[in-house]
N, C-alpha and C. Protein backbone atom coordinates (compact mmCIF):
# COMPACT_ATOMS: atom_id res chain seq x y z
N MET A 1 53.59 -29.46 8.11
CA MET A 1 54.80 -28.71 7.13
C MET A 1 54.48 -29.24 5.85
N PRO A 2 54.69 -28.68 4.75
CA PRO A 2 54.82 -29.33 3.55
C PRO A 2 56.25 -30.34 3.30
N THR A 3 55.62 -31.05 2.43
CA THR A 3 56.90 -32.25 2.38
C THR A 3 56.81 -32.59 0.54
N LEU A 4 57.99 -32.14 0.07
CA LEU A 4 58.34 -32.51 -1.66
C LEU A 4 58.60 -33.97 -1.75
N THR A 5 57.84 -34.73 -2.54
CA THR A 5 58.25 -35.90 -2.97
C THR A 5 57.79 -36.30 -4.45
N ASP A 6 57.52 -37.31 -5.38
CA ASP A 6 57.40 -37.75 -6.47
C ASP A 6 56.51 -38.66 -6.01
N ILE A 7 55.12 -38.34 -6.26
CA ILE A 7 54.08 -39.24 -6.45
C ILE A 7 53.40 -39.95 -8.07
N PRO A 8 53.05 -41.14 -7.87
CA PRO A 8 52.84 -41.58 -9.00
C PRO A 8 51.17 -41.00 -9.40
N LEU A 9 51.22 -40.75 -10.76
CA LEU A 9 50.11 -39.88 -11.11
C LEU A 9 48.95 -40.88 -10.95
N SER A 10 48.79 -42.24 -10.79
CA SER A 10 48.03 -43.02 -10.61
C SER A 10 47.32 -42.95 -9.18
N GLN A 11 47.92 -42.45 -8.48
CA GLN A 11 47.86 -42.19 -6.97
C GLN A 11 46.95 -40.58 -6.75
N LEU A 12 46.90 -40.06 -7.67
CA LEU A 12 46.44 -38.33 -7.78
C LEU A 12 45.30 -38.52 -8.47
N GLN A 13 44.25 -37.79 -7.52
CA GLN A 13 42.72 -37.42 -8.01
C GLN A 13 42.58 -35.96 -8.10
N ALA A 14 41.77 -35.51 -8.76
CA ALA A 14 41.47 -34.01 -8.79
C ALA A 14 40.37 -33.72 -7.47
N HIS A 15 40.25 -32.86 -7.02
CA HIS A 15 39.30 -32.31 -6.11
C HIS A 15 38.06 -32.03 -6.99
N PRO A 16 36.99 -32.80 -6.48
CA PRO A 16 35.69 -32.80 -7.48
C PRO A 16 35.12 -31.05 -7.25
N LEU A 17 35.64 -30.16 -6.52
CA LEU A 17 35.15 -28.94 -6.65
C LEU A 17 36.18 -27.75 -7.12
N ASN A 18 36.93 -28.52 -7.73
CA ASN A 18 38.03 -27.67 -8.73
C ASN A 18 37.11 -26.73 -9.44
N SER A 19 37.39 -25.33 -9.87
CA SER A 19 36.91 -24.46 -10.65
C SER A 19 37.71 -23.81 -11.47
N ASN A 20 38.92 -24.02 -11.17
CA ASN A 20 39.71 -23.34 -12.56
C ASN A 20 39.71 -24.29 -13.55
N VAL A 21 39.62 -23.57 -14.91
CA VAL A 21 39.72 -24.13 -16.41
C VAL A 21 40.58 -23.69 -17.08
N MET A 22 41.49 -24.06 -17.76
CA MET A 22 42.36 -23.61 -18.58
C MET A 22 42.07 -23.71 -20.04
N SER A 23 42.07 -23.14 -20.88
CA SER A 23 41.66 -23.05 -22.43
C SER A 23 42.80 -24.10 -22.92
N PRO A 24 42.19 -24.82 -24.13
CA PRO A 24 42.84 -25.86 -24.72
C PRO A 24 44.09 -25.14 -25.13
N ALA A 25 43.97 -23.78 -25.69
CA ALA A 25 45.19 -23.38 -26.33
C ALA A 25 46.45 -23.43 -25.50
N ALA A 26 46.07 -22.66 -24.09
CA ALA A 26 46.58 -22.83 -22.90
C ALA A 26 47.62 -24.34 -22.54
N MET A 27 46.43 -25.21 -22.71
CA MET A 27 46.89 -26.20 -22.18
C MET A 27 48.11 -26.97 -23.31
N GLU A 28 47.99 -26.55 -24.45
CA GLU A 28 49.01 -26.75 -25.40
C GLU A 28 50.61 -25.91 -25.09
N LYS A 29 50.23 -24.98 -24.67
CA LYS A 29 51.47 -24.11 -24.51
C LYS A 29 52.45 -25.09 -23.15
N LEU A 30 51.25 -25.07 -21.97
CA LEU A 30 51.86 -25.69 -20.98
C LEU A 30 52.38 -27.10 -21.40
N ALA A 31 51.76 -27.90 -22.31
CA ALA A 31 52.57 -29.11 -22.76
C ALA A 31 53.78 -29.22 -23.46
N ALA A 32 53.80 -27.93 -24.14
CA ALA A 32 55.16 -27.89 -25.09
C ALA A 32 55.98 -27.49 -23.79
N HIS A 33 55.85 -26.42 -23.10
CA HIS A 33 56.75 -25.95 -21.95
C HIS A 33 57.19 -27.20 -21.12
N LEU A 34 56.45 -28.22 -20.72
CA LEU A 34 56.80 -29.07 -20.01
C LEU A 34 57.67 -30.22 -20.92
N ALA A 35 57.33 -30.44 -21.85
CA ALA A 35 58.26 -31.49 -22.86
C ALA A 35 59.30 -30.85 -23.08
N ASP A 36 59.85 -29.57 -23.02
CA ASP A 36 60.99 -28.98 -23.57
C ASP A 36 61.92 -28.84 -22.07
N HIS A 37 61.41 -28.53 -21.11
CA HIS A 37 62.07 -28.39 -19.94
C HIS A 37 61.73 -29.25 -18.63
N ASP A 38 60.83 -29.78 -18.36
CA ASP A 38 60.47 -30.75 -17.55
C ASP A 38 60.49 -29.97 -16.36
N ARG A 39 60.28 -28.31 -16.26
CA ARG A 39 60.31 -27.57 -14.83
C ARG A 39 58.97 -27.23 -14.83
N TYR A 40 58.51 -27.43 -13.53
CA TYR A 40 57.35 -26.74 -13.22
C TYR A 40 57.31 -26.81 -11.66
N PRO A 41 56.30 -25.94 -11.13
CA PRO A 41 55.87 -25.77 -9.65
C PRO A 41 55.23 -27.14 -9.34
N PRO A 42 55.52 -27.75 -7.80
CA PRO A 42 55.12 -28.81 -7.76
C PRO A 42 53.50 -28.88 -7.47
N LEU A 43 52.80 -29.87 -7.49
CA LEU A 43 51.62 -29.77 -7.37
C LEU A 43 51.45 -29.76 -5.89
N ILE A 44 50.25 -29.38 -5.43
CA ILE A 44 50.05 -29.02 -3.70
C ILE A 44 49.02 -30.19 -3.73
N VAL A 45 49.04 -31.13 -2.75
CA VAL A 45 48.06 -32.16 -2.88
C VAL A 45 48.18 -32.73 -1.01
N ARG A 46 46.91 -33.14 -0.78
CA ARG A 46 46.86 -33.79 0.63
C ARG A 46 46.30 -35.09 0.54
N PRO A 47 46.96 -35.96 1.39
CA PRO A 47 46.80 -37.40 1.93
C PRO A 47 45.09 -37.70 1.94
N LEU A 48 44.59 -38.74 1.26
CA LEU A 48 43.25 -38.81 1.06
C LEU A 48 42.84 -40.04 1.93
N VAL A 49 43.27 -41.28 0.90
CA VAL A 49 43.22 -42.42 2.00
C VAL A 49 44.43 -43.09 1.93
N CYS A 50 44.54 -43.58 3.27
CA CYS A 50 45.85 -44.39 3.96
C CYS A 50 45.51 -45.60 4.47
N SER A 51 46.90 -46.19 4.46
CA SER A 51 46.70 -47.56 4.89
C SER A 51 47.92 -47.52 5.93
N LEU A 52 47.80 -48.90 7.00
CA LEU A 52 48.85 -48.86 7.82
C LEU A 52 49.47 -49.94 7.28
N THR A 53 50.91 -49.60 7.71
CA THR A 53 52.16 -50.16 7.23
C THR A 53 53.13 -50.69 8.62
N GLN A 54 53.96 -51.62 8.34
CA GLN A 54 54.85 -51.56 9.59
C GLN A 54 55.72 -50.03 9.91
N ARG A 55 55.84 -49.56 8.86
CA ARG A 55 56.47 -48.21 9.18
C ARG A 55 55.46 -46.98 9.38
N GLY A 56 54.13 -47.53 9.29
CA GLY A 56 53.36 -46.47 9.94
C GLY A 56 52.06 -46.14 8.59
N GLU A 57 51.66 -45.17 8.69
CA GLU A 57 50.66 -44.79 8.07
C GLU A 57 50.92 -44.22 6.88
N VAL A 58 50.50 -45.01 5.52
CA VAL A 58 51.00 -44.17 4.27
C VAL A 58 49.98 -44.11 3.46
N ALA A 59 49.88 -43.08 2.94
CA ALA A 59 48.75 -42.62 1.86
C ALA A 59 48.84 -43.37 0.51
N ASP A 60 47.64 -43.79 0.06
CA ASP A 60 47.44 -44.73 -1.25
C ASP A 60 47.16 -43.95 -2.00
N ARG A 61 46.03 -42.51 -1.53
CA ARG A 61 45.48 -41.86 -2.74
C ARG A 61 45.86 -40.50 -2.22
N TYR A 62 46.00 -39.26 -3.40
CA TYR A 62 46.25 -38.17 -2.68
C TYR A 62 45.01 -37.30 -3.80
N GLU A 63 44.81 -35.92 -2.95
CA GLU A 63 43.89 -35.06 -3.54
C GLU A 63 44.42 -34.14 -4.12
N ILE A 64 44.16 -33.43 -5.20
CA ILE A 64 45.27 -32.48 -5.85
C ILE A 64 44.13 -30.99 -5.53
N LEU A 65 45.14 -30.18 -4.79
CA LEU A 65 44.35 -28.84 -4.14
C LEU A 65 44.98 -28.15 -5.35
N ASP A 66 45.94 -28.12 -5.65
CA ASP A 66 46.65 -26.97 -6.82
C ASP A 66 47.42 -27.80 -8.00
N GLY A 67 47.24 -27.51 -9.37
CA GLY A 67 48.08 -28.10 -10.05
C GLY A 67 47.33 -29.06 -10.96
N HIS A 68 45.95 -28.85 -11.14
CA HIS A 68 45.08 -30.00 -11.88
C HIS A 68 45.44 -29.95 -13.23
N HIS A 69 45.86 -28.81 -13.90
CA HIS A 69 46.11 -28.83 -15.27
C HIS A 69 47.51 -29.56 -15.38
N ARG A 70 48.63 -29.17 -14.49
CA ARG A 70 49.94 -29.94 -14.54
C ARG A 70 49.73 -31.14 -14.97
N ALA A 71 48.93 -31.81 -13.79
CA ALA A 71 48.93 -33.30 -13.56
C ALA A 71 48.11 -33.67 -15.06
N LYS A 72 47.15 -33.10 -15.69
CA LYS A 72 46.79 -33.62 -16.90
C LYS A 72 47.63 -33.75 -18.03
N VAL A 73 48.60 -32.77 -17.88
CA VAL A 73 49.46 -32.16 -19.15
C VAL A 73 50.37 -33.71 -19.03
N LEU A 74 51.18 -33.71 -17.38
CA LEU A 74 51.96 -34.71 -17.55
C LEU A 74 51.77 -36.13 -17.84
N SER A 75 50.11 -36.64 -17.39
CA SER A 75 49.96 -37.97 -17.95
C SER A 75 49.70 -37.60 -19.09
N ARG A 76 49.44 -36.79 -19.97
CA ARG A 76 49.26 -37.06 -21.45
C ARG A 76 50.43 -37.08 -22.02
N LEU A 77 51.75 -36.72 -21.36
CA LEU A 77 52.94 -36.66 -21.79
C LEU A 77 53.80 -38.14 -21.73
N GLY A 78 53.22 -39.15 -20.73
CA GLY A 78 53.30 -40.01 -20.51
C GLY A 78 54.45 -40.29 -19.31
N ARG A 79 54.09 -39.09 -18.45
CA ARG A 79 55.01 -39.22 -17.05
C ARG A 79 54.69 -40.23 -16.50
N ALA A 80 55.13 -41.04 -15.43
CA ALA A 80 54.81 -41.74 -14.31
C ALA A 80 54.35 -41.14 -13.03
N THR A 81 55.17 -40.06 -12.61
CA THR A 81 54.84 -39.16 -11.32
C THR A 81 54.80 -37.58 -11.56
N ALA A 82 54.67 -37.22 -10.50
CA ALA A 82 54.43 -35.95 -10.70
C ALA A 82 55.35 -35.53 -9.31
N ARG A 83 55.74 -34.27 -9.39
CA ARG A 83 56.82 -33.66 -8.09
C ARG A 83 55.38 -32.98 -7.13
N CYS A 84 54.96 -33.26 -5.98
CA CYS A 84 54.22 -32.62 -5.30
C CYS A 84 54.40 -32.11 -3.89
N ASP A 85 53.92 -31.32 -3.45
CA ASP A 85 54.19 -30.78 -1.97
C ASP A 85 52.56 -31.42 -1.36
N ILE A 86 53.31 -32.39 -0.31
CA ILE A 86 51.88 -32.93 0.53
C ILE A 86 51.75 -31.85 1.60
N TRP A 87 50.48 -31.48 1.73
CA TRP A 87 49.90 -30.73 2.99
C TRP A 87 48.88 -31.73 3.45
N ARG A 88 49.12 -31.69 4.93
CA ARG A 88 48.53 -32.33 5.65
C ARG A 88 47.18 -31.28 6.18
N VAL A 89 46.02 -31.34 5.61
CA VAL A 89 44.88 -30.48 5.87
C VAL A 89 43.66 -31.26 5.62
N ASP A 90 42.57 -30.69 6.49
CA ASP A 90 41.02 -31.38 6.92
C ASP A 90 40.59 -30.85 5.52
N ASP A 91 39.05 -31.30 5.67
CA ASP A 91 38.42 -31.03 4.51
C ASP A 91 38.01 -29.40 4.41
N VAL A 92 37.60 -28.54 5.21
CA VAL A 92 37.52 -27.40 5.30
C VAL A 92 38.74 -26.53 4.99
N GLN A 93 39.76 -26.98 5.29
CA GLN A 93 41.04 -26.10 5.10
C GLN A 93 41.22 -26.52 3.40
N ALA A 94 40.73 -27.76 3.03
CA ALA A 94 41.14 -27.97 1.55
C ALA A 94 40.32 -27.32 0.73
N LEU A 95 39.25 -26.94 1.29
CA LEU A 95 38.28 -26.29 0.35
C LEU A 95 38.80 -24.66 0.32
N GLU A 96 39.00 -24.27 1.33
CA GLU A 96 39.63 -22.88 1.33
C GLU A 96 40.73 -22.68 0.56
N LEU A 97 41.91 -23.79 0.62
CA LEU A 97 42.90 -23.61 -0.27
C LEU A 97 42.45 -23.85 -1.73
N LEU A 98 41.77 -24.49 -2.03
CA LEU A 98 41.23 -24.75 -3.30
C LEU A 98 40.45 -23.66 -3.93
N ALA A 99 39.82 -22.77 -3.15
CA ALA A 99 39.11 -21.46 -3.39
C ALA A 99 40.37 -20.09 -3.71
N THR A 100 41.36 -20.35 -3.03
CA THR A 100 42.57 -19.03 -3.17
C THR A 100 43.47 -19.56 -3.88
N LEU A 101 44.01 -20.84 -3.97
CA LEU A 101 45.60 -20.91 -4.36
C LEU A 101 45.43 -20.70 -5.97
N ASN A 102 44.55 -20.68 -6.99
CA ASN A 102 44.44 -20.54 -8.32
C ASN A 102 43.89 -19.46 -8.48
N CYS A 103 43.61 -18.43 -7.41
CA CYS A 103 42.93 -17.01 -7.76
C CYS A 103 43.85 -15.99 -7.35
N LEU A 104 44.79 -16.06 -6.03
CA LEU A 104 45.43 -15.12 -5.57
C LEU A 104 46.77 -14.84 -6.44
N GLN A 105 47.03 -14.07 -7.15
CA GLN A 105 47.96 -13.73 -7.98
C GLN A 105 48.28 -12.29 -8.24
N GLY A 106 49.16 -11.65 -8.73
CA GLY A 106 49.29 -10.55 -8.85
C GLY A 106 48.99 -10.04 -10.46
N ARG A 107 49.35 -8.78 -10.89
CA ARG A 107 48.98 -8.45 -12.42
C ARG A 107 50.17 -7.81 -12.83
N ASP A 108 50.62 -8.22 -13.94
CA ASP A 108 51.78 -7.59 -14.68
C ASP A 108 51.92 -6.51 -15.03
N ASP A 109 52.71 -5.64 -14.50
CA ASP A 109 52.73 -4.17 -15.09
C ASP A 109 53.17 -4.08 -16.83
N PRO A 110 52.43 -3.66 -17.42
CA PRO A 110 52.78 -3.66 -19.04
C PRO A 110 53.96 -3.18 -19.52
N ARG A 111 54.64 -2.39 -19.01
CA ARG A 111 56.04 -1.92 -19.34
C ARG A 111 57.17 -3.10 -18.66
N ARG A 112 56.89 -3.44 -17.65
CA ARG A 112 57.87 -4.54 -17.18
C ARG A 112 57.56 -5.71 -17.94
N ARG A 113 56.48 -6.19 -18.43
CA ARG A 113 56.06 -7.13 -19.13
C ARG A 113 56.76 -6.97 -20.67
N ALA A 114 56.84 -5.84 -20.94
CA ALA A 114 57.36 -5.65 -22.52
C ALA A 114 58.93 -5.85 -22.15
N ALA A 115 59.44 -5.40 -21.37
CA ALA A 115 60.71 -5.67 -21.07
C ALA A 115 61.08 -6.92 -20.75
N LEU A 116 60.49 -7.71 -20.16
CA LEU A 116 60.41 -9.31 -19.84
C LEU A 116 60.64 -9.97 -21.23
N ILE A 117 59.74 -9.75 -22.16
CA ILE A 117 59.33 -10.10 -23.65
C ILE A 117 60.54 -10.31 -24.33
N ALA A 118 60.76 -9.09 -24.07
CA ALA A 118 62.00 -8.55 -25.08
C ALA A 118 63.17 -9.24 -25.01
N ALA A 119 63.39 -9.22 -23.36
CA ALA A 119 64.41 -9.95 -23.09
C ALA A 119 64.76 -11.21 -23.46
N LEU A 120 63.51 -11.98 -23.35
CA LEU A 120 63.41 -13.37 -23.68
C LEU A 120 63.50 -13.49 -25.31
N ALA A 121 62.84 -12.44 -26.05
CA ALA A 121 62.91 -12.82 -27.65
C ALA A 121 64.44 -12.71 -27.75
N THR A 122 65.36 -11.60 -27.58
CA THR A 122 66.35 -11.60 -27.41
C THR A 122 67.50 -12.59 -27.18
N ALA A 123 67.31 -13.20 -26.01
CA ALA A 123 68.21 -14.62 -25.59
C ALA A 123 67.49 -15.67 -26.44
N GLN A 124 66.48 -15.98 -26.67
CA GLN A 124 66.28 -17.08 -27.72
C GLN A 124 65.87 -16.84 -28.99
N ARG A 125 66.25 -15.75 -29.42
CA ARG A 125 66.36 -15.25 -30.67
C ARG A 125 64.78 -15.56 -31.67
N ARG A 126 63.90 -15.35 -30.85
CA ARG A 126 62.62 -15.60 -31.37
C ARG A 126 61.50 -14.53 -31.68
N ASP A 127 60.90 -14.50 -32.61
CA ASP A 127 59.88 -13.46 -33.19
C ASP A 127 58.53 -13.48 -32.11
N ALA A 128 57.78 -12.72 -32.27
CA ALA A 128 56.28 -12.84 -31.26
C ALA A 128 55.61 -14.10 -31.75
N ALA A 129 55.76 -14.82 -33.30
CA ALA A 129 55.01 -16.00 -33.53
C ALA A 129 55.45 -17.14 -32.90
N ALA A 130 57.09 -17.24 -32.70
CA ALA A 130 57.57 -18.37 -31.98
C ALA A 130 57.61 -18.28 -30.55
N LEU A 131 57.55 -17.02 -29.83
CA LEU A 131 57.35 -16.95 -28.40
C LEU A 131 55.85 -17.26 -28.12
N ALA A 132 54.81 -16.79 -28.90
CA ALA A 132 53.26 -17.00 -28.64
C ALA A 132 53.43 -18.73 -28.66
N GLN A 133 53.73 -19.48 -28.90
CA GLN A 133 53.94 -20.84 -28.65
C GLN A 133 54.04 -21.34 -27.35
N ARG A 134 54.88 -20.52 -26.80
CA ARG A 134 55.20 -20.79 -25.11
C ARG A 134 54.53 -19.89 -24.35
N LEU A 135 54.31 -18.75 -24.61
CA LEU A 135 53.75 -17.39 -23.61
C LEU A 135 52.33 -17.63 -23.57
N PRO A 136 51.70 -17.26 -22.63
CA PRO A 136 50.17 -17.18 -22.61
C PRO A 136 49.74 -16.27 -23.51
N GLU A 137 50.00 -15.26 -23.86
CA GLU A 137 49.92 -13.90 -24.96
C GLU A 137 49.55 -14.67 -26.30
N GLU A 138 49.08 -14.01 -27.05
CA GLU A 138 48.75 -14.29 -28.34
C GLU A 138 49.79 -13.74 -29.20
N ALA A 139 50.15 -13.86 -30.55
CA ALA A 139 51.36 -13.10 -31.31
C ALA A 139 51.21 -12.11 -31.47
N ARG A 140 49.77 -11.23 -31.75
CA ARG A 140 49.45 -9.48 -31.89
C ARG A 140 49.85 -9.12 -30.39
N HIS A 141 49.67 -9.76 -29.58
CA HIS A 141 49.79 -8.99 -28.10
C HIS A 141 51.31 -9.20 -27.91
N ILE A 142 52.03 -9.99 -28.17
CA ILE A 142 53.57 -10.00 -27.78
C ILE A 142 54.07 -9.08 -28.74
N ALA A 143 53.59 -9.36 -30.37
CA ALA A 143 54.47 -7.94 -30.90
C ALA A 143 54.04 -6.52 -30.27
N HIS A 144 52.69 -6.40 -29.82
CA HIS A 144 52.79 -4.88 -29.09
C HIS A 144 53.68 -4.76 -27.93
N PHE A 145 53.80 -5.80 -27.17
CA PHE A 145 54.93 -5.60 -26.17
C PHE A 145 56.25 -5.42 -26.63
N LEU A 146 56.73 -6.36 -27.75
CA LEU A 146 57.94 -5.83 -28.57
C LEU A 146 58.11 -4.56 -29.04
N ARG A 147 57.02 -4.01 -29.46
CA ARG A 147 57.38 -2.79 -29.96
C ARG A 147 57.24 -1.63 -28.49
N LEU A 148 56.40 -1.94 -27.66
CA LEU A 148 56.59 -1.10 -26.40
C LEU A 148 57.85 -0.85 -25.91
N ALA A 149 58.75 -2.15 -25.85
CA ALA A 149 59.88 -2.08 -25.24
C ALA A 149 60.73 -1.44 -26.02
N GLN A 150 60.60 -1.05 -26.95
CA GLN A 150 62.03 -0.38 -27.90
C GLN A 150 62.09 1.23 -27.65
N PRO A 151 63.29 1.47 -27.21
CA PRO A 151 63.48 3.21 -27.07
C PRO A 151 62.71 3.83 -27.70
N PRO A 152 61.98 4.91 -27.27
CA PRO A 152 61.75 6.07 -27.89
C PRO A 152 62.47 6.52 -28.95
N PRO A 153 62.04 6.73 -30.12
CA PRO A 153 63.18 7.40 -31.32
C PRO A 153 64.00 8.50 -31.10
N THR A 154 64.98 8.92 -31.12
CA THR A 154 66.02 10.06 -30.85
C THR A 154 65.41 11.12 -31.56
N PRO A 155 64.93 12.48 -30.82
CA PRO A 155 64.43 13.49 -31.71
C PRO A 155 65.43 14.03 -32.50
N VAL A 156 65.31 14.49 -34.01
CA VAL A 156 66.36 14.95 -34.69
C VAL A 156 66.37 16.37 -34.62
N ALA A 157 67.58 16.87 -34.07
CA ALA A 157 67.93 18.14 -33.96
C ALA A 157 67.78 19.09 -34.92
N GLN A 158 66.97 20.32 -34.74
CA GLN A 158 66.74 21.05 -36.00
C GLN A 158 68.12 22.15 -35.81
N ALA A 159 68.35 22.48 -36.98
CA ALA A 159 69.38 23.71 -37.15
C ALA A 159 68.85 24.94 -36.77
N PRO A 160 69.47 25.71 -35.81
CA PRO A 160 68.69 27.23 -35.65
C PRO A 160 68.39 27.87 -36.73
N ASP A 161 67.73 28.91 -36.50
CA ASP A 161 67.34 29.86 -37.69
C ASP A 161 68.66 30.84 -38.08
N ALA A 162 68.98 31.05 -39.01
CA ALA A 162 69.99 31.87 -39.49
C ALA A 162 69.55 33.43 -38.80
N VAL A 163 70.62 34.11 -38.49
CA VAL A 163 70.10 35.25 -37.73
C VAL A 163 69.78 36.27 -38.80
N GLU A 164 70.15 36.39 -40.14
CA GLU A 164 69.87 37.35 -41.00
C GLU A 164 68.19 37.04 -41.40
N THR A 165 67.60 35.85 -40.98
CA THR A 165 66.12 35.49 -40.92
C THR A 165 64.99 35.72 -39.97
N MET A 166 65.95 36.15 -38.78
CA MET A 166 65.35 36.08 -37.37
C MET A 166 65.06 38.05 -37.25
N PRO A 167 64.16 38.10 -36.67
CA PRO A 167 63.26 39.34 -36.41
C PRO A 167 64.36 40.41 -35.67
N GLN A 168 64.51 41.62 -36.20
CA GLN A 168 65.35 42.21 -35.68
C GLN A 168 64.76 43.72 -34.93
N PRO A 169 65.35 43.96 -33.79
CA PRO A 169 64.65 45.10 -33.08
C PRO A 169 65.09 46.56 -33.63
N VAL A 170 64.21 47.29 -33.89
CA VAL A 170 64.42 48.80 -34.36
C VAL A 170 64.02 49.61 -33.24
N VAL A 171 64.80 50.82 -33.17
CA VAL A 171 64.68 51.76 -31.69
C VAL A 171 64.83 53.00 -32.21
N PHE A 172 64.00 53.88 -32.30
CA PHE A 172 63.82 55.40 -32.68
C PHE A 172 63.11 56.04 -31.58
N PHE A 173 63.29 57.57 -31.28
CA PHE A 173 62.97 58.35 -30.42
C PHE A 173 61.91 59.15 -31.19
N LEU A 174 60.83 59.24 -30.17
CA LEU A 174 59.70 60.57 -30.49
C LEU A 174 59.13 61.46 -29.51
N LEU A 175 58.82 62.57 -29.90
CA LEU A 175 57.94 63.30 -29.08
C LEU A 175 56.93 62.36 -28.58
N PRO A 176 56.43 62.61 -27.30
CA PRO A 176 55.15 62.15 -26.95
C PRO A 176 54.38 62.30 -27.97
N GLU A 177 53.91 63.58 -28.37
CA GLU A 177 52.75 63.76 -29.24
C GLU A 177 53.12 62.77 -30.88
N HIS A 178 54.24 63.11 -31.36
CA HIS A 178 54.29 62.11 -32.29
C HIS A 178 54.11 60.50 -31.95
N ARG A 179 54.76 60.22 -31.20
CA ARG A 179 54.48 58.77 -30.89
C ARG A 179 53.01 58.46 -30.68
N ARG A 180 52.08 59.17 -30.16
CA ARG A 180 50.61 58.86 -30.14
C ARG A 180 50.01 58.86 -31.21
N GLN A 181 50.57 59.83 -32.43
CA GLN A 181 50.06 59.90 -33.49
C GLN A 181 50.57 58.51 -34.60
N LEU A 182 51.61 58.10 -34.13
CA LEU A 182 52.38 57.22 -34.91
C LEU A 182 51.45 55.89 -34.39
N GLN A 183 51.18 55.23 -32.97
CA GLN A 183 50.54 54.48 -32.72
C GLN A 183 48.83 54.26 -32.97
N ALA A 184 48.44 55.47 -33.01
CA ALA A 184 47.10 55.45 -33.87
C ALA A 184 47.00 55.16 -35.05
N ARG A 185 47.85 55.45 -36.12
CA ARG A 185 47.97 55.49 -37.35
C ARG A 185 48.54 53.76 -37.66
N LEU A 186 49.32 53.14 -37.08
CA LEU A 186 49.90 51.96 -36.96
C LEU A 186 48.40 50.64 -36.50
N SER A 187 47.76 51.53 -35.55
CA SER A 187 46.43 50.33 -35.10
C SER A 187 45.54 50.59 -36.38
N GLN A 188 45.84 51.35 -37.35
CA GLN A 188 44.48 51.64 -38.46
C GLN A 188 44.85 50.59 -39.40
N LEU A 189 46.31 50.32 -39.54
CA LEU A 189 46.97 49.51 -40.63
C LEU A 189 46.69 48.08 -40.55
N ASP A 190 47.07 47.69 -39.11
CA ASP A 190 47.16 46.27 -38.79
C ASP A 190 47.23 46.17 -37.27
N ALA A 191 46.64 44.86 -36.98
CA ALA A 191 46.68 44.62 -35.22
C ALA A 191 48.42 44.39 -35.17
N ASP A 192 49.01 43.60 -36.08
CA ASP A 192 50.40 43.33 -35.67
C ASP A 192 51.08 44.77 -35.97
N ARG A 193 51.92 45.15 -34.95
CA ARG A 193 52.75 46.46 -35.22
C ARG A 193 53.66 46.38 -36.34
N SER A 194 54.30 45.25 -36.30
CA SER A 194 55.39 45.20 -37.42
C SER A 194 54.57 44.86 -38.71
N VAL A 195 53.65 44.67 -38.87
CA VAL A 195 53.36 44.47 -40.36
C VAL A 195 52.52 45.68 -40.37
N ALA A 196 51.74 46.70 -39.78
CA ALA A 196 51.64 47.79 -39.75
C ALA A 196 52.51 48.92 -40.03
N LEU A 197 53.61 48.72 -39.54
CA LEU A 197 54.85 49.78 -40.06
C LEU A 197 55.43 49.39 -41.35
N MET A 198 55.39 48.24 -41.87
CA MET A 198 56.07 47.74 -43.00
C MET A 198 55.12 48.57 -44.17
N LYS A 199 53.56 48.35 -44.00
CA LYS A 199 52.78 49.05 -44.62
C LYS A 199 52.67 50.36 -44.71
N LEU A 200 52.97 51.23 -43.51
CA LEU A 200 53.10 52.43 -43.65
C LEU A 200 54.54 53.26 -44.45
N CYS A 201 55.49 51.95 -44.35
CA CYS A 201 56.53 52.43 -45.19
C CYS A 201 56.24 52.45 -46.52
N ALA A 202 55.35 51.44 -46.98
CA ALA A 202 55.20 51.15 -48.33
C ALA A 202 54.40 52.58 -48.96
N MET A 203 53.83 53.24 -47.98
CA MET A 203 52.95 54.21 -48.56
C MET A 203 53.77 55.45 -48.72
N VAL A 204 54.81 55.48 -48.06
CA VAL A 204 55.65 56.72 -48.38
C VAL A 204 56.63 56.86 -49.75
């Protein structure tokens, strides 16, 4: 069962097969966050070298399974200890945890991420450049998220056409023979019947 405790950084050592690597830029952001807030998920470690005391077995060394970068940054910031969850696992279990803890994670929905970043920008009154000093994204990506979070522009209502400019119906009655003659004549003048009718009127 996990046990949360503060362990001296001098007693922690990285697992030799850790494959997770963080870029220098990301390390700087992590360092800035820890320096400002001192809040971070506890490292996951396992007892490695133990000694017997009057109170029983006590670990002298611990191996990091998750939190290698946090340990490096804490050491760089001059911290003496790190908050750790102690998991008592064997070598095989340690390898499995090492292979999964740093890789099993979800993916951000872009619009939800945009809403989150916009809320943070408002709460902290920071622009994209300032947020980029703390968040994983670059400033240009944060600016894109801030634009994505903006509500769509309200469409401008267009005034309806004036009645006098709208087409008007014209109704008249013809004998069948006259109707056929009119339709034939209109089709000769233009495919659009209204245009053809006006052309016919102009000829009169």
